[in-house]
C-alpha atoms as a PDB file:
ATOM      1  CA  MET A   1      25.127  22.340   3.205  1.00  0.00           C
ATOM      2  CA  ASP A   2      24.628  22.032   6.905  1.00  0.00           C
ATOM      3  CA  PRO A   3      23.000  18.301   7.078  1.00  0.00           C
ATOM      4  CA  PHE A   4      21.185  19.497   9.991  1.00  0.00           C
ATOM      5  CA  ALA A   5      19.474  22.043   8.202  1.00  0.00           C
ATOM      6  CA  PRO A   6      15.941  21.251   7.477  1.00  0.00           C
ATOM      7  CA  ALA A   7      14.413  19.216   4.772  1.00  0.00           C
ATOM      8  CA  PRO A   8      11.850  20.394   2.151  1.00  0.00           C
ATOM      9  CA  LYS A   9       8.589  19.371   3.271  1.00  0.00           C
ATOM     10  CA  VAL A  10       8.142  17.565   0.367  1.00  0.00           C
ATOM     11  CA  THR A  11       9.548  16.171  -2.910  1.00  0.00           C
ATOM     12  CA  VAL A  12       9.756  14.597  -6.160  1.00  0.00           C
ATOM     13  CA  TRP A  13      13.026  13.731  -7.345  1.00  0.00           C
ATOM     14  CA  ARG A  14      11.363  11.920 -10.434  1.00  0.00           C
ATOM     15  CA  MET A  15       8.869   9.890 -11.953  1.00  0.00           C
ATOM     16  CA  PRO A  16       9.191   6.076 -13.134  1.00  0.00           C
ATOM     17  CA  ARG A  17       6.928   4.508 -15.868  1.00  0.00           C
ATOM     18  CA  PRO A  18       4.731   2.343 -14.256  1.00  0.00           C
ATOM     19  CA  ALA A  19       4.971  -1.300 -15.367  1.00  0.00           C
ATOM     20  CA  SER A  20       0.942  -1.457 -15.816  1.00  0.00           C
ATOM     21  CA  LEU A  21      -1.128   1.399 -16.096  1.00  0.00           C
ATOM     22  CA  GLN A  22      -3.703  -1.561 -14.696  1.00  0.00           C
ATOM     23  CA  ASN A  23      -2.245  -2.341 -11.361  1.00  0.00           C
ATOM     24  CA  HIS A  24      -3.680   0.762  -9.302  1.00  0.00           C
ATOM     25  CA  LEU A  25      -2.550  -1.316  -5.914  1.00  0.00           C
ATOM     26  CA  LEU A  26      -0.485   0.992  -2.646  1.00  0.00           C
ATOM     27  CA  MET A  27       1.618  -0.116   0.089  1.00  0.00           C
ATOM     28  CA  ILE A  28       2.333   1.488   3.486  1.00  0.00           C
ATOM     29  CA  ALA A  29       4.493   0.214   6.114  1.00  0.00           C
ATOM     30  CA  ASP A  30       4.851   1.885   9.359  1.00  0.00           C
ATOM     31  CA  ASP A  31       6.093   0.636  12.690  1.00  0.00           C
ATOM     32  CA  ASP A  32       2.988   2.724  13.832  1.00  0.00           C
ATOM     33  CA  GLN A  33       0.563   0.850  13.619  1.00  0.00           C
ATOM     34  CA  LEU A  34      -2.174   3.659  14.038  1.00  0.00           C
ATOM     35  CA  ALA A  35      -0.127   5.891  12.187  1.00  0.00           C
ATOM     36  CA  CYS A  36       0.005   3.275   9.302  1.00  0.00           C
ATOM     37  CA  GLN A  37      -4.250   2.813   9.261  1.00  0.00           C
ATOM     38  CA  SER A  38      -4.964   6.650   9.039  1.00  0.00           C
ATOM     39  CA  ALA A  39      -2.716   7.066   6.287  1.00  0.00           C
ATOM     40  CA  ALA A  40      -4.117   3.925   4.876  1.00  0.00           C
ATOM     41  CA  GLN A  41      -7.577   5.446   5.683  1.00  0.00           C
ATOM     42  CA  VAL A  42      -6.631   8.642   3.617  1.00  0.00           C
ATOM     43  CA  LEU A  43      -5.841   6.544   0.833  1.00  0.00           C
ATOM     44  CA  ARG A  44      -8.427   4.284   1.032  1.00  0.00           C
ATOM     45  CA  LEU A  45     -11.176   7.257   0.816  1.00  0.00           C
ATOM     46  CA  ALA A  46      -9.293   8.668  -2.178  1.00  0.00           C
ATOM     47  CA  GLY A  47     -10.521   5.412  -4.055  1.00  0.00           C
ATOM     48  CA  PHE A  48      -7.095   3.481  -3.632  1.00  0.00           C
ATOM     49  CA  GLU A  49      -6.828  -0.396  -2.892  1.00  0.00           C
ATOM     50  CA  VAL A  50      -4.201   0.020  -0.013  1.00  0.00           C
ATOM     51  CA  LEU A  51      -2.040  -2.855   1.528  1.00  0.00           C
ATOM     52  CA  THR A  52      -0.394  -2.152   4.589  1.00  0.00           C
ATOM     53  CA  ALA A  53       2.694  -3.553   6.587  1.00  0.00           C
ATOM     54  CA  TYR A  54       4.562  -3.026  10.127  1.00  0.00           C
ATOM     55  CA  SER A  55       7.778  -3.303   9.752  1.00  0.00           C
ATOM     56  CA  GLY A  56      10.456  -3.417   6.367  1.00  0.00           C
ATOM     57  CA  GLN A  57      10.819  -7.018   6.692  1.00  0.00           C
ATOM     58  CA  GLU A  58       6.542  -7.357   6.737  1.00  0.00           C
ATOM     59  CA  ALA A  59       6.886  -4.856   3.719  1.00  0.00           C
ATOM     60  CA  LEU A  60       9.008  -7.020   1.709  1.00  0.00           C
ATOM     61  CA  ARG A  61       7.556  -9.991   1.703  1.00  0.00           C
ATOM     62  CA  LEU A  62       3.962  -8.071   1.399  1.00  0.00           C
ATOM     63  CA  ALA A  63       5.418  -6.580  -1.946  1.00  0.00           C
ATOM     64  CA  ARG A  64       6.816  -9.628  -3.358  1.00  0.00           C
ATOM     65  CA  ALA A  65       3.658 -11.370  -3.596  1.00  0.00           C
ATOM     66  CA  ALA A  66       1.593  -8.568  -4.149  1.00  0.00           C
ATOM     67  CA  GLN A  67       3.584  -6.251  -6.177  1.00  0.00           C
ATOM     68  CA  PRO A  68       1.708  -2.679  -5.659  1.00  0.00           C
ATOM     69  CA  ALA A  69       2.680  -0.180  -7.948  1.00  0.00           C
ATOM     70  CA  VAL A  70       3.461   2.313  -5.229  1.00  0.00           C
ATOM     71  CA  ALA A  71       4.950   2.024  -1.646  1.00  0.00           C
ATOM     72  CA  ILE A  72       4.681   4.225   0.523  1.00  0.00           C
ATOM     73  CA  LEU A  73       7.608   3.178   3.439  1.00  0.00           C
ATOM     74  CA  ASP A  74       8.026   4.998   7.080  1.00  0.00           C
ATOM     75  CA  LEU A  75      12.330   5.516   7.119  1.00  0.00           C
ATOM     76  CA  SER A  76      12.727   4.042  11.416  1.00  0.00           C
ATOM     77  CA  MET A  77      10.961   1.005  11.538  1.00  0.00           C
ATOM     78  CA  ARG A  78      12.335  -1.472  13.828  1.00  0.00           C
ATOM     79  CA  ILE A  79      12.418  -4.270  11.168  1.00  0.00           C
ATOM     80  CA  GLY A  80      13.509  -3.520   8.561  1.00  0.00           C
ATOM     81  CA  ASN A  81      14.497  -0.025   7.785  1.00  0.00           C
ATOM     82  CA  GLY A  82      12.624   1.562   5.665  1.00  0.00           C
ATOM     83  CA  TRP A  83      16.343   2.789   3.936  1.00  0.00           C
ATOM     84  CA  ASP A  84      16.964  -0.903   3.387  1.00  0.00           C
ATOM     85  CA  THR A  85      13.443  -1.893   2.132  1.00  0.00           C
ATOM     86  CA  ALA A  86      13.774   0.795  -0.302  1.00  0.00           C
ATOM     87  CA  THR A  87      17.056   0.179  -1.334  1.00  0.00           C
ATOM     88  CA  THR A  88      15.639  -3.694  -1.712  1.00  0.00           C
ATOM     89  CA  LEU A  89      12.191  -2.758  -3.541  1.00  0.00           C
ATOM     90  CA  ARG A  90      13.897  -0.277  -6.022  1.00  0.00           C
ATOM     91  CA  ASP A  91      16.301  -3.650  -7.320  1.00  0.00           C
ATOM     92  CA  GLU A  92      13.731  -5.785  -7.617  1.00  0.00           C
ATOM     93  CA  ALA A  93      11.135  -2.857  -9.092  1.00  0.00           C
ATOM     94  CA  GLN A  94      12.029  -0.579 -10.811  1.00  0.00           C
ATOM     95  CA  GLU A  95       9.144   0.982 -11.910  1.00  0.00           C
ATOM     96  CA  MET A  96       7.682   1.092  -8.772  1.00  0.00           C
ATOM     97  CA  LEU A  97       6.877   4.476  -6.928  1.00  0.00           C
ATOM     98  CA  LEU A  98       8.860   4.587  -3.855  1.00  0.00           C
ATOM     99  CA  ILE A  99       8.044   7.166  -1.025  1.00  0.00           C
ATOM    100  CA  ALA A 100       9.317   8.222   1.595  1.00  0.00           C
ATOM    101  CA  HIS A 101       6.890   9.033   4.512  1.00  0.00           C
ATOM    102  CA  THR A 102       8.711  10.185   7.699  1.00  0.00           C
ATOM    103  CA  GLY A 103       8.994  12.374  10.352  1.00  0.00           C
ATOM    104  CA  PHE A 104      13.242  12.928   9.409  1.00  0.00           C
ATOM    105  CA  SER A 105      13.316  16.502   8.192  1.00  0.00           C
ATOM    106  CA  THR A 106      17.205  16.709   7.929  1.00  0.00           C
ATOM    107  CA  HIS A 107      18.627  18.097   4.797  1.00  0.00           C
ATOM    108  CA  SER A 108      21.199  15.096   4.853  1.00  0.00           C
ATOM    109  CA  GLU A 109      18.559  12.347   5.663  1.00  0.00           C
ATOM    110  CA  TRP A 110      16.443  14.018   2.873  1.00  0.00           C
ATOM    111  CA  GLN A 111      19.741  13.231   0.292  1.00  0.00           C
ATOM    112  CA  ARG A 112      20.201   9.395   1.899  1.00  0.00           C
ATOM    113  CA  ALA A 113      16.408   8.892   0.919  1.00  0.00           C
ATOM    114  CA  GLU A 114      16.723   9.848  -2.577  1.00  0.00           C
ATOM    115  CA  SER A 115      20.362   7.574  -2.552  1.00  0.00           C
ATOM    116  CA  CYS A 116      18.739   4.394  -1.350  1.00  0.00           C
ATOM    117  CA  GLY A 117      16.480   4.862  -3.981  1.00  0.00           C
ATOM    118  CA  PHE A 118      13.333   6.850  -2.769  1.00  0.00           C
ATOM    119  CA  ASP A 119      11.201   9.038  -5.816  1.00  0.00           C
ATOM    120  CA  ALA A 120       9.884  11.409  -2.840  1.00  0.00           C
ATOM    121  CA  TYR A 121      10.079  12.318   0.627  1.00  0.00           C
ATOM    122  CA  PHE A 122       7.220  13.671   2.628  1.00  0.00           C
ATOM    123  CA  VAL A 123       7.882  14.963   5.998  1.00  0.00           C
ATOM    124  CA  LYS A 124       5.524  14.032   8.595  1.00  0.00           C
ATOM    125  CA  PRO A 125       2.586  14.943   9.492  1.00  0.00           C
ATOM    126  CA  CYS A 126       2.426  15.097   5.452  1.00  0.00           C
ATOM    127  CA  ASP A 127       0.110  17.449   2.962  1.00  0.00           C
ATOM    128  CA  HIS A 128      -2.138  13.995   2.074  1.00  0.00           C
ATOM    129  CA  ASP A 129      -3.382  16.315  -0.627  1.00  0.00           C
ATOM    130  CA  ARG A 130      -0.010  16.411  -2.379  1.00  0.00           C
ATOM    131  CA  LEU A 131       0.480  12.549  -1.470  1.00  0.00           C
ATOM    132  CA  ILE A 132      -2.678  11.892  -3.503  1.00  0.00           C
ATOM    133  CA  GLY A 133      -1.913  13.885  -6.049  1.00  0.00           C
ATOM    134  CA  LEU A 134       1.420  12.233  -6.853  1.00  0.00           C
ATOM    135  CA  ILE A 135      -0.173   8.708  -6.794  1.00  0.00           C
ATOM    136  CA  ARG A 136      -2.817   9.702  -8.993  1.00  0.00           C
ATOM    137  CA  GLU A 137       0.258  11.377 -11.281  1.00  0.00           C
ATOM    138  CA  PHE A 138       2.178   8.577 -11.463  1.00  0.00           C
ATOM    139  CA  LEU A 139      -0.674   6.299 -12.150  1.00  0.00           C
ATOM    140  CA  GLY A 140      -1.690   8.170 -14.862  1.00  0.00           C
ATOM    141  CA  SER A 141       1.819   8.099 -15.952  1.00  0.00           C
ATOM    142  CA  CYS A 142       2.238  11.660 -16.150  1.00  0.00           C
ATOM    143  CA  PRO A 143       5.890  12.662 -15.612  1.00  0.00           C
ATOM    144  CA  ARG A 144       6.843  15.857 -13.786  1.00  0.00           C
ATOM    145  CA  ALA A 145       8.999  16.628 -10.954  1.00  0.00           C
ATOM    146  CA  HIS A 146       8.958  19.252  -8.432  1.00  0.00           C
ATOM    147  CA  SER A 147      10.382  20.320  -4.683  1.00  0.00           C
ATOM    148  CA  ASP A 148       8.956  22.667  -1.684  1.00  0.00           C
END
């Protein structure tokens, strides 16, 4: 496959089993603070409790302290990118749902995201209804996988 071919806009590779059905905390990390706050607001309006981080390094500190059930990570953050952050989070919290939320849309980046431990891949601008549905499905612990 051509590594520069477009990736699907939404992919769900796997659905981990949550460690606790009581933990509904989400974390979103993006070094674009406006984009991070906008996405967090959409998720809050959907009824979720959301923490925000503006670097991969900050996301790791926050995840270790707050232990969110879901982490939504931009891939190209300046201080601790999403690739490395996902790899570390996957090693430390296998039950966490890891979602790449990125402007990267080539097949090679999509494959790299899966190999770093992401469970799902959403290309910006993302379909918020699909993102919210995936999170609700995970928190309700109903396994499923699909790709568009």
